[in-house]
Amino acid sequence: MLRILEQYERVPWHPKVFTACVVAYAFSPIDLIPDFISVLGYLDDVILVPLGIIIALKMVPKTVLTDCECKAEEMMKNGKPKNWIGVYRNADFTFVMVLQVLPIINVCVQKRPAPFRYRPLK
């Protein structure tokens, strides 16, 4: 829905900018509260992103919103739009994970001991 709102010409510029900021915040690694803080780090993503989407949808006039909803339903009936960026991102993530796991598998498969050992003190 947000993608259709971004592309629709009858939407004013300020909801487009606000929507772009919400999407950028959702995908950026920078958070207002860092994720390593146990509960609050994830709570800001859970609260701020949906709140930003709700505010962005309320900024758009009702007639434009109904037109965009009709376009979204039409797109879903004709077949879901392909998101190749997501496919490439998942492939990159899988490739990086395989590169990280290969050295561990290599050490486990080889018959030689680990590169270091703990020796008891005498």
N, C-alpha and C. Protein backbone atom coordinates (compact mmCIF):
# COMPACT_ATOMS: atom_id res chain seq x y z
N MET A 1 0.82 -1.18 0.00
CA MET A 1 0.00 0.00 0.00
C MET A 1 0.88 1.26 0.00
N LEU A 2 1.92 1.23 0.84
CA LEU A 2 2.79 2.41 0.90
C LEU A 2 3.52 2.63 -0.42
N ARG A 3 3.85 1.53 -1.10
CA ARG A 3 4.52 1.66 -2.39
C ARG A 3 3.62 2.33 -3.42
N ILE A 4 2.34 1.97 -3.40
CA ILE A 4 1.39 2.58 -4.33
C ILE A 4 1.20 4.06 -3.99
N LEU A 5 1.15 4.37 -2.68
CA LEU A 5 1.03 5.77 -2.28
C LEU A 5 2.22 6.60 -2.74
N GLU A 6 3.40 6.01 -2.70
CA GLU A 6 4.60 6.72 -3.14
C GLU A 6 4.55 7.03 -4.63
N GLN A 7 3.96 6.13 -5.41
CA GLN A 7 3.96 6.30 -6.86
C GLN A 7 2.75 7.07 -7.38
N TYR A 8 1.75 7.25 -6.56
CA TYR A 8 0.51 7.88 -7.00
C TYR A 8 0.70 9.39 -7.09
N GLU A 9 0.28 9.98 -8.20
CA GLU A 9 0.57 11.41 -8.43
C GLU A 9 -0.35 12.35 -7.65
N ARG A 10 -1.51 11.89 -7.19
CA ARG A 10 -2.43 12.76 -6.47
C ARG A 10 -2.09 12.88 -4.98
N VAL A 11 -1.11 12.15 -4.52
CA VAL A 11 -0.70 12.23 -3.12
C VAL A 11 0.18 13.47 -2.94
N PRO A 12 -0.09 14.30 -1.94
CA PRO A 12 0.76 15.48 -1.70
C PRO A 12 2.19 15.06 -1.35
N TRP A 13 3.09 16.01 -1.40
CA TRP A 13 4.50 15.69 -1.21
C TRP A 13 4.83 15.36 0.24
N HIS A 14 4.17 15.97 1.21
CA HIS A 14 4.56 15.74 2.61
C HIS A 14 4.23 14.32 3.10
N PRO A 15 3.12 13.67 2.69
CA PRO A 15 2.98 12.27 3.07
C PRO A 15 4.01 11.36 2.40
N LYS A 16 4.42 11.72 1.18
CA LYS A 16 5.45 10.92 0.50
C LYS A 16 6.77 10.98 1.25
N VAL A 17 7.15 12.19 1.67
CA VAL A 17 8.40 12.35 2.41
C VAL A 17 8.33 11.64 3.75
N PHE A 18 7.20 11.77 4.45
CA PHE A 18 7.04 11.12 5.74
C PHE A 18 7.07 9.60 5.59
N THR A 19 6.41 9.08 4.56
CA THR A 19 6.42 7.64 4.30
C THR A 19 7.83 7.15 4.00
N ALA A 20 8.57 7.91 3.21
CA ALA A 20 9.95 7.53 2.92
C ALA A 20 10.79 7.50 4.19
N CYS A 21 10.56 8.45 5.09
CA CYS A 21 11.30 8.47 6.36
C CYS A 21 10.94 7.27 7.23
N VAL A 22 9.67 6.89 7.26
CA VAL A 22 9.25 5.72 8.05
C VAL A 22 9.88 4.45 7.50
N VAL A 23 9.85 4.30 6.18
CA VAL A 23 10.43 3.10 5.57
C VAL A 23 11.95 3.08 5.78
N ALA A 24 12.59 4.24 5.66
CA ALA A 24 14.04 4.31 5.88
C ALA A 24 14.38 3.96 7.34
N TYR A 25 13.57 4.42 8.29
CA TYR A 25 13.81 4.09 9.70
C TYR A 25 13.61 2.60 9.94
N ALA A 26 12.62 2.01 9.28
CA ALA A 26 12.36 0.58 9.48
C ALA A 26 13.51 -0.28 8.98
N PHE A 27 14.15 0.12 7.88
CA PHE A 27 15.22 -0.68 7.30
C PHE A 27 16.62 -0.25 7.71
N SER A 28 16.75 0.88 8.39
CA SER A 28 18.08 1.34 8.75
C SER A 28 18.58 0.63 10.01
N PRO A 29 19.87 0.45 10.11
CA PRO A 29 20.42 -0.18 11.33
C PRO A 29 20.49 0.79 12.50
N ILE A 30 20.22 2.06 12.28
CA ILE A 30 20.30 3.05 13.34
C ILE A 30 18.92 3.18 13.99
N ASP A 31 18.87 3.02 15.30
CA ASP A 31 17.61 3.11 16.05
C ASP A 31 17.71 4.23 17.06
N LEU A 32 16.54 4.70 17.51
CA LEU A 32 16.53 5.68 18.59
C LEU A 32 17.03 5.06 19.89
N ILE A 33 16.58 3.83 20.15
CA ILE A 33 17.06 3.07 21.29
C ILE A 33 17.77 1.85 20.72
N PRO A 34 19.05 1.65 21.02
CA PRO A 34 19.79 0.52 20.43
C PRO A 34 19.17 -0.83 20.78
N ASP A 35 19.31 -1.80 19.88
CA ASP A 35 18.69 -3.11 20.06
C ASP A 35 19.34 -3.93 21.17
N PHE A 36 20.57 -3.61 21.56
CA PHE A 36 21.19 -4.41 22.61
C PHE A 36 20.61 -4.13 23.99
N ILE A 37 19.81 -3.08 24.14
CA ILE A 37 19.06 -2.87 25.38
C ILE A 37 17.88 -3.81 25.32
N SER A 38 17.77 -4.70 26.29
CA SER A 38 16.96 -5.92 26.18
C SER A 38 15.56 -5.72 25.63
N VAL A 39 14.69 -5.06 26.28
CA VAL A 39 13.30 -4.98 25.83
C VAL A 39 13.03 -3.69 25.07
N LEU A 40 13.57 -2.60 25.54
CA LEU A 40 13.28 -1.30 24.94
C LEU A 40 13.82 -1.17 23.52
N GLY A 41 14.90 -1.86 23.21
CA GLY A 41 15.50 -1.78 21.89
C GLY A 41 14.58 -2.28 20.79
N TYR A 42 13.90 -3.38 21.07
CA TYR A 42 12.95 -3.91 20.09
C TYR A 42 11.60 -3.24 20.19
N LEU A 43 11.27 -2.73 21.36
CA LEU A 43 9.98 -2.11 21.57
C LEU A 43 9.82 -0.84 20.74
N ASP A 44 10.92 -0.10 20.53
CA ASP A 44 10.79 1.12 19.72
C ASP A 44 10.47 0.77 18.27
N ASP A 45 11.00 -0.35 17.75
CA ASP A 45 10.64 -0.76 16.40
C ASP A 45 9.20 -1.21 16.33
N VAL A 46 8.75 -1.90 17.35
CA VAL A 46 7.39 -2.42 17.36
C VAL A 46 6.37 -1.29 17.48
N ILE A 47 6.72 -0.21 18.15
CA ILE A 47 5.78 0.89 18.35
C ILE A 47 5.94 1.97 17.29
N LEU A 48 7.16 2.41 17.00
CA LEU A 48 7.36 3.56 16.13
C LEU A 48 7.02 3.29 14.67
N VAL A 49 7.36 2.12 14.15
CA VAL A 49 7.10 1.85 12.73
C VAL A 49 5.60 1.75 12.44
N PRO A 50 4.82 0.96 13.20
CA PRO A 50 3.37 0.97 12.92
C PRO A 50 2.73 2.33 13.17
N LEU A 51 3.21 3.05 14.17
CA LEU A 51 2.68 4.38 14.44
C LEU A 51 2.97 5.32 13.27
N GLY A 52 4.16 5.22 12.70
CA GLY A 52 4.51 6.03 11.53
C GLY A 52 3.66 5.68 10.32
N ILE A 53 3.37 4.39 10.13
CA ILE A 53 2.51 3.98 9.01
C ILE A 53 1.11 4.53 9.20
N ILE A 54 0.59 4.46 10.42
CA ILE A 54 -0.76 4.98 10.69
C ILE A 54 -0.81 6.48 10.44
N ILE A 55 0.20 7.19 10.90
CA ILE A 55 0.23 8.65 10.69
C ILE A 55 0.34 8.98 9.20
N ALA A 56 1.16 8.21 8.47
CA ALA A 56 1.30 8.46 7.03
C ALA A 56 -0.01 8.22 6.30
N LEU A 57 -0.75 7.19 6.69
CA LEU A 57 -2.04 6.92 6.04
C LEU A 57 -3.08 7.98 6.40
N LYS A 58 -2.98 8.56 7.60
CA LYS A 58 -3.92 9.61 7.98
C LYS A 58 -3.61 10.94 7.29
N MET A 59 -2.38 11.12 6.82
CA MET A 59 -2.01 12.35 6.13
C MET A 59 -2.56 12.40 4.70
N VAL A 60 -2.89 11.23 4.14
CA VAL A 60 -3.36 11.16 2.76
C VAL A 60 -4.88 11.40 2.75
N PRO A 61 -5.40 12.19 1.79
CA PRO A 61 -6.85 12.39 1.69
C PRO A 61 -7.59 11.07 1.45
N LYS A 62 -8.82 10.99 1.95
CA LYS A 62 -9.61 9.75 1.89
C LYS A 62 -9.86 9.29 0.45
N THR A 63 -10.13 10.22 -0.45
CA THR A 63 -10.41 9.82 -1.84
C THR A 63 -9.18 9.19 -2.49
N VAL A 64 -8.03 9.75 -2.21
CA VAL A 64 -6.79 9.20 -2.76
C VAL A 64 -6.52 7.83 -2.14
N LEU A 65 -6.81 7.69 -0.85
CA LEU A 65 -6.58 6.43 -0.17
C LEU A 65 -7.48 5.32 -0.73
N THR A 66 -8.73 5.64 -1.02
CA THR A 66 -9.62 4.63 -1.61
C THR A 66 -9.17 4.26 -3.03
N ASP A 67 -8.68 5.24 -3.79
CA ASP A 67 -8.15 4.93 -5.13
C ASP A 67 -6.95 4.00 -5.04
N CYS A 68 -6.08 4.25 -4.08
CA CYS A 68 -4.89 3.41 -3.91
C CYS A 68 -5.28 2.01 -3.43
N GLU A 69 -6.29 1.92 -2.58
CA GLU A 69 -6.76 0.60 -2.14
C GLU A 69 -7.32 -0.20 -3.31
N CYS A 70 -8.05 0.47 -4.19
CA CYS A 70 -8.57 -0.21 -5.39
C CYS A 70 -7.43 -0.69 -6.28
N LYS A 71 -6.40 0.14 -6.43
CA LYS A 71 -5.23 -0.26 -7.24
C LYS A 71 -4.52 -1.45 -6.60
N ALA A 72 -4.41 -1.46 -5.28
CA ALA A 72 -3.75 -2.56 -4.59
C ALA A 72 -4.54 -3.86 -4.76
N GLU A 73 -5.87 -3.79 -4.65
CA GLU A 73 -6.70 -4.98 -4.87
C GLU A 73 -6.58 -5.49 -6.29
N GLU A 74 -6.53 -4.57 -7.24
CA GLU A 74 -6.39 -4.94 -8.65
C GLU A 74 -5.04 -5.62 -8.89
N MET A 75 -3.99 -5.10 -8.28
CA MET A 75 -2.67 -5.71 -8.43
C MET A 75 -2.64 -7.11 -7.83
N MET A 76 -3.32 -7.30 -6.71
CA MET A 76 -3.35 -8.62 -6.09
C MET A 76 -4.15 -9.62 -6.91
N LYS A 77 -5.22 -9.16 -7.59
CA LYS A 77 -6.00 -10.05 -8.44
C LYS A 77 -5.21 -10.47 -9.68
N ASN A 78 -4.41 -9.56 -10.21
CA ASN A 78 -3.61 -9.86 -11.41
C ASN A 78 -2.36 -10.66 -11.08
N GLY A 79 -2.07 -10.83 -9.85
CA GLY A 79 -0.86 -11.52 -9.44
C GLY A 79 -0.03 -10.59 -8.59
N LYS A 80 0.56 -11.15 -7.56
CA LYS A 80 1.36 -10.33 -6.67
C LYS A 80 2.53 -9.72 -7.42
N PRO A 81 2.89 -8.49 -7.12
CA PRO A 81 4.07 -7.90 -7.76
C PRO A 81 5.34 -8.59 -7.27
N LYS A 82 6.26 -8.77 -8.16
CA LYS A 82 7.53 -9.43 -7.81
C LYS A 82 8.46 -8.45 -7.13
N ASN A 83 9.04 -8.89 -6.05
CA ASN A 83 10.01 -8.08 -5.31
C ASN A 83 11.37 -8.75 -5.43
N TRP A 84 12.08 -8.44 -6.50
CA TRP A 84 13.37 -9.08 -6.74
C TRP A 84 14.44 -8.59 -5.79
N ILE A 85 14.27 -7.40 -5.22
CA ILE A 85 15.25 -6.90 -4.27
C ILE A 85 15.30 -7.82 -3.05
N GLY A 86 14.14 -8.25 -2.59
CA GLY A 86 14.08 -9.17 -1.45
C GLY A 86 14.74 -10.50 -1.76
N VAL A 87 14.57 -10.97 -3.00
CA VAL A 87 15.19 -12.23 -3.40
C VAL A 87 16.71 -12.09 -3.37
N TYR A 88 17.22 -11.01 -3.93
CA TYR A 88 18.68 -10.80 -3.95
C TYR A 88 19.22 -10.61 -2.53
N ARG A 89 18.48 -9.92 -1.67
CA ARG A 89 18.93 -9.71 -0.30
C ARG A 89 19.00 -11.04 0.44
N ASN A 90 18.01 -11.92 0.25
CA ASN A 90 18.04 -13.23 0.89
C ASN A 90 19.19 -14.07 0.36
N ALA A 91 19.45 -13.99 -0.94
CA ALA A 91 20.57 -14.74 -1.52
C ALA A 91 21.89 -14.24 -0.96
N ASP A 92 22.06 -12.93 -0.81
CA ASP A 92 23.28 -12.38 -0.23
C ASP A 92 23.45 -12.84 1.21
N PHE A 93 22.36 -12.82 1.98
CA PHE A 93 22.43 -13.25 3.37
C PHE A 93 22.83 -14.72 3.46
N THR A 94 22.25 -15.55 2.60
CA THR A 94 22.59 -16.98 2.59
C THR A 94 24.05 -17.18 2.22
N PHE A 95 24.54 -16.44 1.24
CA PHE A 95 25.94 -16.56 0.82
C PHE A 95 26.88 -16.19 1.95
N VAL A 96 26.58 -15.10 2.65
CA VAL A 96 27.43 -14.67 3.77
C VAL A 96 27.40 -15.70 4.90
N MET A 97 26.24 -16.26 5.18
CA MET A 97 26.15 -17.28 6.24
C MET A 97 26.95 -18.53 5.88
N VAL A 98 26.88 -18.93 4.61
CA VAL A 98 27.65 -20.09 4.18
C VAL A 98 29.15 -19.81 4.32
N LEU A 99 29.58 -18.61 3.95
CA LEU A 99 30.99 -18.27 4.10
C LEU A 99 31.45 -18.28 5.56
N GLN A 100 30.55 -17.96 6.48
CA GLN A 100 30.91 -17.98 7.89
C GLN A 100 30.92 -19.39 8.46
N VAL A 101 30.10 -20.28 7.92
CA VAL A 101 29.98 -21.63 8.46
C VAL A 101 31.04 -22.56 7.87
N LEU A 102 31.53 -22.29 6.67
CA LEU A 102 32.49 -23.17 6.02
C LEU A 102 33.76 -23.42 6.84
N PRO A 103 34.39 -22.42 7.43
CA PRO A 103 35.58 -22.71 8.25
C PRO A 103 35.27 -23.60 9.45
N ILE A 104 34.11 -23.46 10.03
CA ILE A 104 33.74 -24.31 11.17
C ILE A 104 33.58 -25.75 10.71
N ILE A 105 32.94 -25.94 9.56
CA ILE A 105 32.78 -27.30 9.02
C ILE A 105 34.14 -27.88 8.67
N ASN A 106 35.02 -27.07 8.13
CA ASN A 106 36.35 -27.53 7.76
C ASN A 106 37.12 -28.03 8.98
N VAL A 107 37.05 -27.32 10.08
CA VAL A 107 37.75 -27.75 11.30
C VAL A 107 37.13 -29.02 11.84
N CYS A 108 35.82 -29.16 11.77
CA CYS A 108 35.15 -30.35 12.30
C CYS A 108 35.44 -31.58 11.46
N VAL A 109 35.59 -31.42 10.15
CA VAL A 109 35.78 -32.56 9.27
C VAL A 109 37.22 -33.06 9.32
N GLN A 110 38.17 -32.19 9.48
CA GLN A 110 39.57 -32.59 9.50
C GLN A 110 39.88 -33.40 10.75
N LYS A 111 40.84 -34.28 10.64
CA LYS A 111 41.20 -35.16 11.75
C LYS A 111 42.19 -34.53 12.72
N ARG A 112 42.76 -33.41 12.36
CA ARG A 112 43.75 -32.80 13.23
C ARG A 112 43.05 -32.03 14.36
N PRO A 113 43.76 -31.81 15.43
CA PRO A 113 43.14 -31.11 16.56
C PRO A 113 42.96 -29.62 16.26
N ALA A 114 42.25 -28.99 17.15
CA ALA A 114 42.03 -27.55 17.03
C ALA A 114 43.36 -26.81 17.11
N PRO A 115 43.43 -25.57 16.63
CA PRO A 115 44.69 -24.84 16.57
C PRO A 115 45.32 -24.58 17.94
N PHE A 116 44.58 -24.64 19.01
CA PHE A 116 45.17 -24.44 20.34
C PHE A 116 44.49 -25.38 21.32
N ARG A 117 45.21 -25.67 22.39
CA ARG A 117 44.68 -26.54 23.44
C ARG A 117 44.99 -25.91 24.79
N TYR A 118 44.10 -26.17 25.68
CA TYR A 118 44.37 -25.78 27.05
C TYR A 118 45.16 -26.88 27.73
N ARG A 119 46.26 -26.51 28.34
CA ARG A 119 47.10 -27.50 29.04
C ARG A 119 47.02 -27.23 30.52
N PRO A 120 46.87 -28.27 31.27
CA PRO A 120 46.78 -28.05 32.72
C PRO A 120 48.10 -27.53 33.28
N LEU A 121 47.99 -26.71 34.28
CA LEU A 121 49.18 -26.20 34.94
C LEU A 121 49.76 -27.27 35.83
N LYS A 122 51.10 -27.36 35.88
CA LYS A 122 51.76 -28.37 36.72
C LYS A 122 52.33 -27.75 37.95
